[in-house]
């Protein structure tokens, strides 16, 4: 209604008028104060301005919105839960933000195909809660589960803590509906296990970060709920020893669901700043969290198998173990609270990368040394998904450190990302390229690959109106 920050009618802006006709005035936000939450990223680091925020509730409304913007040549920034960390979901200057927060809904669980259809704006936590009574789980999990939307997770090919066993979002994508820039609807929601009739467009759109289409509905694969979960935290003498422990556990415990690593400096900071103490008392250089999700009710057997894997690797390792929900939550707390640390220490710069397992130790040593040498006063906080080689490299710039050259986001990337490439890794494991890493894409993709990506963009979004400047540089004017 007028006065609440929503558009009351076409007014002087024909594009806003078209959006109002598409979704109704209460779902077109034009006032500065009302738009502000959609114009800044989750960390408060990136801030832009948009022409309007539009909130469609159905696929047909998304079609109308995109057709309206395409006809006027107005760029569109798709936005889900706005939990991204690389600038891919915030406006850069004058775009229309298409929020999927009203695209919500969860269909019935298919007990035979182990699938569920979910509207793109539905949060991961909501899906997990909805499928549990039917005896299923979502095969992915993220710390941002209460805010991250399923459509956004498809757009970034999200990973998280369970990639070790189940793969990233692409591996769990049974079907997809999405709308191209011109309003064309692509729908492949049959969920067939065998269907190789032509190009697999869902796989192409997964990880495209809203640059090729707007995801509106997702058919998610599900896995049967674990009958028992056992979690252990194991102290190790080094990252190399941690990698070896996980390799041994994967060989002996086929139902290993997660393998995470944190370091002594991060564990100390979690205790000092957040009041969460490690379950280990010896203060080892590394702590490895292992979790087994068993299809057996025999908890004792699951505990014994996990304990055997740890003992085989190092019988003297200090270990804390839990098989009850509260005990497991306590064991996870130190690892999960690491995500908060960098923001408490200073201005946060978060990079997610992946490395071959054999390169992890050398990479971590090189990054720590480089930050100390080239970013004086800055504090590195590292932790990772040890089973899949994912490493989160967070760098805090405390007050005062930013006065020195080389303490901005681009400078942090300039220090860290070439080291990733030198160790044969990827500059993006989970968060995506967004706008932050566009200039570094050549570290992870060959000129031929980048040229092919541009041709795909040209074909599906000829005017380059969907999320311009994300993944690829903006197309130069013709």
Protein backbone atom coordinates (compact mmCIF):
# COMPACT_ATOMS: atom_id res chain seq x y z
CA UNK A 1 0.00 0.00 0.00
CA UNK A 2 1.19 3.58 -0.56
CA UNK A 3 3.56 4.83 2.12
CA UNK A 4 4.98 1.42 3.01
CA UNK A 5 7.77 1.50 0.46
CA UNK A 6 5.91 -0.46 -2.22
CA UNK A 7 4.97 0.86 -5.63
CA UNK A 8 1.43 2.21 -5.80
CA UNK A 9 1.21 2.21 -9.59
CA UNK A 10 3.09 2.73 -12.83
CA UNK A 11 4.21 6.25 -11.88
CA UNK A 12 6.93 7.77 -14.02
CA UNK A 13 8.96 4.58 -14.50
CA UNK A 14 7.48 2.30 -17.19
CA UNK A 15 9.58 -0.65 -16.02
CA UNK A 16 8.27 -0.33 -12.47
CA UNK A 17 4.79 -0.08 -13.94
CA UNK A 18 5.31 -3.32 -15.83
CA UNK A 19 6.57 -5.03 -12.67
CA UNK A 20 3.53 -3.82 -10.75
CA UNK A 21 1.28 -5.33 -13.39
CA UNK A 22 3.22 -8.58 -13.14
CA UNK A 23 3.20 -9.13 -9.37
CA UNK A 24 1.06 -6.42 -7.78
CA UNK A 25 2.14 -3.15 -6.15
CA UNK A 26 2.81 -4.64 -2.71
CA UNK A 27 5.59 -6.80 -4.14
CA UNK A 28 7.50 -4.10 -6.01
CA UNK A 29 9.73 -2.25 -3.54
CA UNK A 30 10.97 1.17 -4.57
CA UNK A 31 11.70 3.21 -1.43
CA UNK A 32 15.33 3.42 -0.35
CA UNK A 33 14.79 2.18 3.21
CA UNK A 34 12.71 -0.80 2.13
CA UNK A 35 15.15 -1.84 -0.60
CA UNK A 36 18.20 -1.57 1.61
CA UNK A 37 18.12 -5.14 2.93
CA UNK A 38 18.27 -6.44 -0.64
CA UNK A 39 21.12 -4.13 -1.64
CA UNK A 40 23.77 -5.33 0.79
CA UNK A 41 25.44 -8.71 1.11
CA UNK A 42 25.28 -11.01 4.12
CA UNK A 43 28.57 -9.76 5.55
CA UNK A 44 27.71 -6.08 5.04
CA UNK A 45 30.76 -5.73 2.80
CA UNK A 46 29.15 -5.17 -0.61
CA UNK A 47 26.54 -2.48 -1.13
CA UNK A 48 24.85 -1.38 -4.34
CA UNK A 49 21.70 0.31 -5.53
CA UNK A 50 18.87 -1.21 -7.51
CA UNK A 51 16.06 0.26 -9.55
CA UNK A 52 13.47 -1.80 -7.68
CA UNK A 53 13.02 -5.08 -5.87
CA UNK A 54 10.39 -7.40 -7.31
CA UNK A 55 9.08 -10.46 -5.47
CA UNK A 56 7.23 -12.90 -7.74
CA UNK A 57 5.38 -15.82 -6.16
CA UNK A 58 4.89 -18.11 -9.17
CA UNK A 59 6.75 -19.20 -12.26
CA UNK A 60 4.30 -17.27 -14.43
CA UNK A 61 5.07 -14.11 -12.48
CA UNK A 62 8.81 -14.72 -12.98
CA UNK A 63 8.13 -15.05 -16.70
CA UNK A 64 6.30 -11.70 -16.73
CA UNK A 65 9.03 -9.99 -14.72
CA UNK A 66 11.84 -11.20 -16.97
CA UNK A 67 9.91 -10.45 -20.14
CA UNK A 68 9.22 -6.91 -18.89
CA UNK A 69 12.89 -6.31 -18.07
CA UNK A 70 14.12 -7.92 -21.31
CA UNK A 71 11.84 -5.73 -23.41
CA UNK A 72 13.25 -2.63 -21.73
CA UNK A 73 16.85 -3.87 -21.73
CA UNK A 74 16.99 -3.62 -17.93
CA UNK A 75 19.44 -6.00 -16.20
CA UNK A 76 18.19 -8.33 -13.47
CA UNK A 77 19.99 -9.64 -10.37
CA UNK A 78 18.37 -12.86 -9.09
CA UNK A 79 18.56 -13.15 -5.30
CA UNK A 80 17.66 -16.01 -2.98
CA UNK A 81 18.43 -15.98 0.73
CA UNK A 82 21.21 -13.42 0.13
CA UNK A 83 23.72 -15.58 1.99
CA UNK A 84 26.33 -15.34 -0.77
CA UNK A 85 29.85 -14.15 -0.02
CA UNK A 86 31.21 -13.18 -3.45
CA UNK A 87 28.85 -10.40 -4.54
CA UNK A 88 26.78 -12.48 -6.94
CA UNK A 89 23.41 -11.61 -5.44
CA UNK A 90 23.68 -7.86 -4.79
CA UNK A 91 23.03 -5.09 -7.30
CA UNK A 92 25.95 -3.15 -8.74
CA UNK A 93 24.06 -0.13 -10.06
CA UNK A 94 20.49 0.27 -11.29
CA UNK A 95 19.45 -3.34 -11.89
CA UNK A 96 16.14 -4.86 -10.83
CA UNK A 97 16.60 -7.32 -7.97
CA UNK A 98 14.39 -10.38 -8.46
CA UNK A 99 13.92 -11.89 -5.02
CA UNK A 100 12.75 -15.51 -4.86
CA UNK A 101 11.67 -15.30 -1.22
CA UNK A 102 7.99 -15.72 -2.15
CA UNK A 103 8.67 -18.73 -4.37
CA UNK A 104 8.08 -21.17 -1.53
CA UNK A 105 6.51 -24.59 -1.30
CA UNK A 106 7.38 -28.25 -0.79
CA UNK A 107 5.64 -31.05 -2.66
CA UNK A 108 4.93 -34.55 -1.36
CA UNK A 109 7.88 -36.88 -0.94
CA UNK A 110 8.16 -39.54 -3.62
CA UNK A 111 8.96 -42.62 -1.53
CA UNK A 112 9.86 -44.72 -4.57
CA UNK A 113 12.08 -42.26 -6.43
CA UNK A 114 13.48 -40.73 -3.21
CA UNK A 115 12.74 -37.22 -4.49
CA UNK A 116 10.82 -34.08 -3.56
CA UNK A 117 9.85 -31.01 -5.60
CA UNK A 118 10.71 -27.72 -3.92
CA UNK A 119 10.05 -24.12 -4.94
CA UNK A 120 13.29 -22.18 -5.35
CA UNK A 121 12.82 -19.76 -2.45
CA UNK A 122 12.33 -22.48 0.15
CA UNK A 123 15.08 -22.71 2.76
CA UNK A 124 17.21 -25.79 3.21
CA UNK A 125 16.12 -26.11 6.86
CA UNK A 126 12.45 -26.09 5.83
CA UNK A 127 12.99 -28.91 3.36
CA UNK A 128 14.91 -30.98 5.89
CA UNK A 129 12.11 -30.57 8.41
CA UNK A 130 9.40 -31.43 5.88
CA UNK A 131 10.93 -34.67 4.58
CA UNK A 132 11.93 -36.08 7.98
CA UNK A 133 8.50 -37.55 8.86
CA UNK A 134 8.61 -39.59 5.64
CA UNK A 135 11.93 -41.11 6.71
CA UNK A 136 14.25 -39.07 4.48
CA UNK A 137 17.04 -36.51 4.71
CA UNK A 138 18.41 -33.88 2.34
CA UNK A 139 21.90 -35.05 1.30
CA UNK A 140 23.39 -31.56 1.75
CA UNK A 141 23.88 -29.41 4.82
CA UNK A 142 25.19 -25.88 5.33
CA UNK A 143 25.79 -23.71 8.36
CA UNK A 144 23.47 -21.14 6.71
CA UNK A 145 20.70 -23.76 6.45
CA UNK A 146 18.06 -21.47 7.98
CA UNK A 147 18.60 -18.75 5.36
CA UNK A 148 20.05 -20.45 2.29
CA UNK A 149 17.41 -21.18 -0.35
CA UNK A 150 17.31 -24.27 -2.52
CA UNK A 151 17.32 -22.18 -5.70
CA UNK A 152 20.36 -20.27 -4.52
CA UNK A 153 22.09 -23.54 -3.68
CA UNK A 154 21.47 -24.73 -7.24
CA UNK A 155 22.70 -21.42 -8.65
CA UNK A 156 26.01 -21.79 -6.81
CA UNK A 157 26.23 -25.61 -6.89
CA UNK A 158 26.46 -25.50 -3.11
CA UNK A 159 28.44 -28.08 -1.18
CA UNK A 160 28.73 -28.03 2.60
CA UNK A 161 29.70 -30.68 5.11
CA UNK A 162 28.28 -33.82 3.41
CA UNK A 163 29.91 -33.60 -0.03
CA UNK A 164 32.32 -36.32 1.06
CA UNK A 165 29.54 -38.91 0.82
CA UNK A 166 26.78 -37.39 -1.29
CA UNK A 167 28.40 -34.86 -3.60
CA UNK A 168 27.47 -31.22 -4.20
CA UNK A 169 24.08 -29.90 -5.31
CA UNK A 170 24.69 -30.93 -8.92
CA UNK A 171 24.96 -34.58 -7.85
CA UNK A 172 21.65 -34.32 -6.01
CA UNK A 173 19.69 -32.47 -8.67
CA UNK A 174 17.02 -34.79 -10.08
CA UNK A 175 15.22 -32.09 -12.05
CA UNK A 176 14.85 -28.37 -12.54
CA UNK A 177 12.54 -25.63 -13.73
CA UNK A 178 14.07 -22.29 -14.72
CA UNK A 179 13.19 -19.21 -16.75
CA UNK A 180 15.51 -17.72 -19.35
CA UNK A 181 16.08 -13.97 -19.72
CA UNK A 182 13.41 -13.66 -22.42
CA UNK A 183 10.77 -15.46 -20.34
CA UNK A 184 11.17 -18.92 -21.88
CA UNK A 185 10.48 -21.66 -19.34
CA UNK A 186 12.79 -24.69 -19.23
CA UNK A 187 11.24 -27.56 -17.29
CA UNK A 188 12.71 -30.99 -16.71
CA UNK A 189 11.04 -32.34 -13.59
CA UNK A 190 10.43 -35.97 -14.60
CA UNK A 191 13.02 -37.28 -12.17
CA UNK A 192 13.94 -40.26 -14.32
CA UNK A 193 17.11 -42.04 -13.28
CA UNK A 194 17.79 -42.87 -16.94
CA UNK A 195 17.12 -40.04 -19.38
CA UNK A 196 19.93 -39.02 -21.74
CA UNK A 197 17.81 -37.41 -24.45
CA UNK A 198 20.10 -34.56 -25.40
CA UNK A 199 21.96 -31.98 -23.35
CA UNK A 200 21.42 -32.10 -19.58
CA UNK A 201 20.36 -28.51 -19.09
CA UNK A 202 19.84 -28.79 -15.29
CA UNK A 203 23.54 -29.59 -14.92
CA UNK A 204 24.45 -26.62 -17.11
CA UNK A 205 22.31 -24.20 -15.10
CA UNK A 206 23.55 -25.56 -11.77
CA UNK A 207 26.47 -23.37 -10.75
CA UNK A 208 25.70 -20.64 -13.30
CA UNK A 209 25.00 -18.10 -10.51
CA UNK A 210 21.90 -16.60 -12.09
CA UNK A 211 23.71 -15.62 -15.28
CA UNK A 212 21.85 -18.03 -17.59
CA UNK A 213 18.39 -18.40 -16.03
CA UNK A 214 16.34 -17.87 -12.88
CA UNK A 215 15.69 -21.14 -11.03
CA UNK A 216 12.03 -21.45 -10.00
CA UNK A 217 11.63 -25.08 -8.91
CA UNK A 218 13.98 -27.92 -8.00
CA UNK A 219 13.53 -31.68 -7.85
CA UNK A 220 15.85 -32.79 -5.06
CA UNK A 221 17.22 -36.25 -4.46
CA UNK A 222 16.73 -37.52 -0.93
CA UNK A 223 18.46 -40.20 1.12
CA UNK A 224 16.89 -42.44 3.78
CA UNK A 225 17.23 -41.03 7.27
CA UNK A 226 20.14 -42.41 9.21
CA UNK A 227 19.12 -44.79 11.95
CA UNK A 228 22.17 -43.86 14.00
CA UNK A 229 24.67 -41.03 13.93
CA UNK A 230 28.00 -41.14 15.70
CA UNK A 231 30.38 -38.18 15.86
CA UNK A 232 34.00 -38.15 16.97
CA UNK A 233 36.57 -35.39 17.39
CA UNK A 234 40.14 -36.64 17.10
CA UNK A 235 43.34 -34.77 17.92
CA UNK A 236 46.15 -35.03 15.36
CA UNK A 237 49.72 -33.80 15.25
CA UNK A 238 49.51 -32.14 11.83
CA UNK A 239 47.32 -31.50 8.83
CA UNK A 240 49.15 -34.27 6.98
CA UNK A 241 48.22 -36.66 9.79
CA UNK A 242 44.63 -35.41 9.58
CA UNK A 243 44.48 -36.17 5.86
CA UNK A 244 45.85 -39.65 6.50
CA UNK A 245 43.28 -40.26 9.26
CA UNK A 246 40.40 -39.34 6.96
CA UNK A 247 41.77 -41.57 4.19
CA UNK A 248 41.92 -44.48 6.63
CA UNK A 249 38.42 -43.78 7.93
CA UNK A 250 36.98 -43.67 4.41
CA UNK A 251 38.43 -47.13 3.71
CA UNK A 252 37.07 -48.72 6.87
CA UNK A 253 33.84 -46.79 7.46
CA UNK A 254 31.88 -46.65 4.18
CA UNK A 255 29.07 -44.65 5.77
CA UNK A 256 31.37 -41.78 6.75
CA UNK A 257 29.18 -38.71 6.26
CA UNK A 258 31.48 -35.82 7.19
CA UNK A 259 35.17 -35.13 7.83
CA UNK A 260 36.07 -31.62 9.00
CA UNK A 261 39.28 -30.05 10.27
CA UNK A 262 40.05 -27.07 12.50
CA UNK A 263 43.38 -25.76 13.78
CA UNK A 264 44.64 -24.93 17.26
CA UNK A 265 44.62 -21.16 16.72
CA UNK A 266 40.99 -21.19 15.58
CA UNK A 267 39.95 -23.50 18.42
CA UNK A 268 41.56 -21.11 20.91
CA UNK A 269 39.73 -18.12 19.41
CA UNK A 270 36.37 -19.91 19.46
CA UNK A 271 36.90 -20.52 23.16
CA UNK A 272 38.11 -17.00 23.95
CA UNK A 273 35.61 -15.04 21.86
CA UNK A 274 32.55 -17.30 21.81
CA UNK A 275 32.90 -19.27 25.00
CA UNK A 276 32.81 -22.65 23.24
CA UNK A 277 35.47 -25.03 24.53
CA UNK A 278 37.03 -27.90 22.63
CA UNK A 279 36.07 -31.38 23.82
CA UNK A 280 39.78 -32.24 23.72
CA UNK A 281 42.05 -31.26 26.61
CA UNK A 282 45.53 -31.70 25.16
CA UNK A 283 45.34 -28.80 22.68
CA UNK A 284 46.48 -30.73 19.58
CA UNK A 285 47.64 -28.84 16.47
CA UNK A 286 44.59 -30.10 14.54
CA UNK A 287 41.18 -31.46 15.46
CA UNK A 288 39.38 -33.71 12.99
CA UNK A 289 35.62 -34.18 13.25
CA UNK A 290 34.29 -37.44 11.81
CA UNK A 291 30.62 -38.31 11.56
CA UNK A 292 29.09 -41.61 10.54
CA UNK A 293 25.46 -41.88 9.41
CA UNK A 294 24.55 -45.54 9.72
CA UNK A 295 21.59 -47.43 8.26
CA UNK A 296 21.78 -49.82 11.21
CA UNK A 297 20.09 -49.49 14.59
CA UNK A 298 23.14 -51.05 16.19
CA UNK A 299 24.73 -47.93 17.63
CA UNK A 300 27.37 -49.91 19.50
CA UNK A 301 28.57 -51.47 16.25
CA UNK A 302 28.77 -48.07 14.57
CA UNK A 303 30.74 -46.69 17.51
CA UNK A 304 33.08 -49.67 17.42
CA UNK A 305 33.72 -49.31 13.70
CA UNK A 306 34.55 -45.61 14.00
CA UNK A 307 36.73 -46.22 17.06
CA UNK A 308 38.57 -48.98 15.19
CA UNK A 309 39.33 -46.62 12.31
CA UNK A 310 40.78 -44.05 14.71
CA UNK A 311 42.75 -46.63 16.72
CA UNK A 312 44.19 -48.18 13.57
CA UNK A 313 45.54 -44.81 12.51
CA UNK A 314 46.76 -43.65 15.94
CA UNK A 315 45.86 -45.59 19.10
CA UNK A 316 47.19 -42.77 21.29
CA UNK A 317 45.08 -39.98 19.73
CA UNK A 318 42.85 -38.12 22.15
CA UNK A 319 39.26 -38.68 21.04
CA UNK A 320 35.84 -37.43 22.11
CA UNK A 321 32.84 -39.39 20.89
CA UNK A 322 29.06 -38.97 21.05
CA UNK A 323 26.05 -40.87 19.70
CA UNK A 324 23.22 -38.74 21.13
CA UNK A 325 21.88 -35.55 19.49
CA UNK A 326 22.98 -33.19 22.26
CA UNK A 327 26.41 -34.74 22.55
CA UNK A 328 26.93 -34.59 18.80
CA UNK A 329 25.79 -30.96 18.76
CA UNK A 330 28.46 -30.12 21.33
CA UNK A 331 31.13 -31.84 19.26
CA UNK A 332 30.06 -29.91 16.14
CA UNK A 333 29.93 -26.56 17.97
CA UNK A 334 33.63 -25.66 17.70
CA UNK A 335 33.68 -26.35 13.96
CA UNK A 336 30.40 -24.58 13.18
CA UNK A 337 31.23 -21.48 15.25
CA UNK A 338 34.40 -20.96 13.20
CA UNK A 339 32.26 -19.21 10.58
CA UNK A 340 31.65 -16.35 13.02
CA UNK A 341 35.24 -15.77 14.06
CA UNK A 342 36.52 -13.60 11.24
CA UNK A 343 33.78 -11.01 11.75
CA UNK A 344 34.69 -10.71 15.43
CA UNK A 345 38.38 -10.13 14.70
CA UNK A 346 38.01 -7.36 12.13
CA UNK A 347 36.75 -6.60 8.66
CA UNK A 348 36.02 -10.04 7.19
CA UNK A 349 37.32 -11.40 3.89
CA UNK A 350 36.17 -14.94 3.15
CA UNK A 351 37.57 -17.18 0.43
CA UNK A 352 36.54 -20.77 -0.21
CA UNK A 353 38.93 -22.92 -2.23
CA UNK A 354 39.67 -26.58 -2.84
CA UNK A 355 42.91 -28.50 -3.10
CA UNK A 356 44.04 -32.05 -3.86
CA UNK A 357 44.40 -33.82 -0.49
CA UNK A 358 48.17 -34.23 -0.89
CA UNK A 359 48.55 -30.48 -1.41
CA UNK A 360 46.58 -29.30 1.62
CA UNK A 361 49.46 -29.18 4.09
CA UNK A 362 51.77 -27.23 1.79
CA UNK A 363 48.98 -24.89 0.82
CA UNK A 364 48.07 -24.03 4.41
CA UNK A 365 51.71 -23.41 5.31
CA UNK A 366 52.20 -21.17 2.28
CA UNK A 367 49.01 -19.18 2.91
CA UNK A 368 49.81 -18.55 6.55
CA UNK A 369 53.31 -17.38 5.67
CA UNK A 370 52.05 -15.15 2.84
CA UNK A 371 49.40 -13.46 4.98
CA UNK A 372 51.94 -12.79 7.72
CA UNK A 373 54.45 -11.39 5.24
CA UNK A 374 52.23 -9.43 2.84
CA UNK A 375 49.22 -8.50 5.02
CA UNK A 376 50.80 -7.30 8.29
CA UNK A 377 48.41 -7.17 11.20
CA UNK A 378 45.79 -9.34 9.48
CA UNK A 379 44.62 -12.59 11.06
CA UNK A 380 44.08 -15.78 9.03
CA UNK A 381 41.38 -18.19 10.22
CA UNK A 382 41.39 -21.50 8.33
CA UNK A 383 39.13 -24.52 8.55
CA UNK A 384 37.89 -27.02 6.03
CA UNK A 385 35.95 -29.96 4.69
CA UNK A 386 38.81 -32.39 4.83
CA UNK A 387 37.07 -35.22 3.02
CA UNK A 388 36.59 -33.25 -0.22
CA UNK A 389 39.63 -30.94 -0.09
CA UNK A 390 37.58 -27.81 0.59
CA UNK A 391 39.34 -25.15 2.65
CA UNK A 392 37.85 -21.91 3.95
CA UNK A 393 40.51 -19.20 4.07
CA UNK A 394 39.19 -16.31 6.12
CA UNK A 395 41.29 -13.21 6.70
CA UNK A 396 40.31 -10.60 9.30
CA UNK A 397 41.59 -7.05 8.96
CA UNK A 398 41.59 -5.66 12.52
CA UNK A 399 41.13 -1.92 13.15
CA UNK A 400 44.38 -0.22 12.18
CA UNK A 401 45.59 -2.98 9.86
CA UNK A 402 43.50 -1.48 7.07
CA UNK A 403 45.65 1.65 7.21
CA UNK A 404 48.44 -0.30 5.57
CA UNK A 405 48.46 -1.01 1.85
CA UNK A 406 47.32 -4.48 0.88
CA UNK A 407 44.48 -5.06 3.32
CA UNK A 408 41.44 -4.87 1.05
CA UNK A 409 39.39 -7.71 -0.43
CA UNK A 410 41.23 -7.61 -3.75
CA UNK A 411 44.56 -7.65 -1.94
CA UNK A 412 43.57 -10.67 0.15
CA UNK A 413 42.53 -12.49 -3.03
CA UNK A 414 45.79 -11.46 -4.70
CA UNK A 415 47.73 -13.10 -1.88
CA UNK A 416 45.68 -16.29 -1.53
CA UNK A 417 44.34 -17.28 -4.95
CA UNK A 418 47.65 -17.58 -6.84
CA UNK A 419 48.83 -19.92 -4.09
CA UNK A 420 45.71 -22.02 -4.68
CA UNK A 421 46.53 -22.27 -8.38
CA UNK A 422 50.17 -23.10 -7.65
CA UNK A 423 49.00 -26.10 -5.61
CA UNK A 424 46.65 -27.34 -8.33
CA UNK A 425 43.45 -26.21 -6.65
CA UNK A 426 40.28 -24.34 -7.54
CA UNK A 427 39.67 -20.71 -6.58
CA UNK A 428 36.03 -21.51 -5.78
CA UNK A 429 34.83 -24.64 -4.01
CA UNK A 430 31.39 -23.50 -2.83
CA UNK A 431 30.64 -19.78 -2.87
CA UNK A 432 31.04 -19.29 -6.62
CA UNK A 433 32.84 -16.65 -8.66
CA UNK A 434 30.33 -13.83 -8.18
CA UNK A 435 31.87 -10.45 -8.91
CA UNK A 436 34.75 -10.83 -6.44
CA UNK A 437 36.65 -13.51 -8.36
CA UNK A 438 35.92 -12.57 -11.97
CA UNK A 439 39.41 -11.16 -12.49
CA UNK A 440 40.89 -14.42 -11.17
CA UNK A 441 38.83 -16.83 -13.28
CA UNK A 442 41.80 -17.59 -15.53
CA UNK A 443 43.53 -19.24 -12.57
CA UNK A 444 40.90 -21.98 -12.66
CA UNK A 445 39.70 -22.09 -16.28
CA UNK A 446 41.63 -22.17 -19.56
CA UNK A 447 41.12 -19.55 -22.29
CA UNK A 448 39.23 -22.16 -24.30
CA UNK A 449 36.88 -22.88 -21.40
CA UNK A 450 36.21 -19.20 -20.78
CA UNK A 451 35.50 -18.66 -24.48
CA UNK A 452 33.04 -21.55 -24.44
CA UNK A 453 31.35 -20.10 -21.35
CA UNK A 454 30.92 -16.79 -23.17
CA UNK A 455 29.32 -18.58 -26.12
CA UNK A 456 26.85 -20.30 -23.80
CA UNK A 457 26.02 -16.93 -22.25
CA UNK A 458 25.52 -15.40 -25.70
CA UNK A 459 23.16 -18.21 -26.67
CA UNK A 460 20.93 -18.23 -23.57
CA UNK A 461 21.09 -14.52 -22.67
CA UNK A 462 21.95 -12.64 -25.88
CA UNK A 463 21.55 -9.19 -24.32
CA UNK A 464 23.52 -10.17 -21.20
CA UNK A 465 20.80 -8.83 -18.90
CA UNK A 466 20.90 -11.65 -16.33
CA UNK A 467 23.35 -10.87 -13.53
CA UNK A 468 25.83 -8.99 -15.73
CA UNK A 469 29.36 -8.86 -14.33
CA UNK A 470 28.97 -12.14 -12.43
CA UNK A 471 31.20 -15.12 -13.38
CA UNK A 472 32.26 -13.36 -16.61
CA UNK A 473 33.24 -9.71 -17.16
CA UNK A 474 30.48 -7.52 -18.53
CA UNK A 475 30.26 -7.71 -22.31
CA UNK A 476 31.90 -4.70 -23.92
CA UNK A 477 29.51 -2.36 -25.78
CA UNK A 478 29.07 -3.29 -29.43
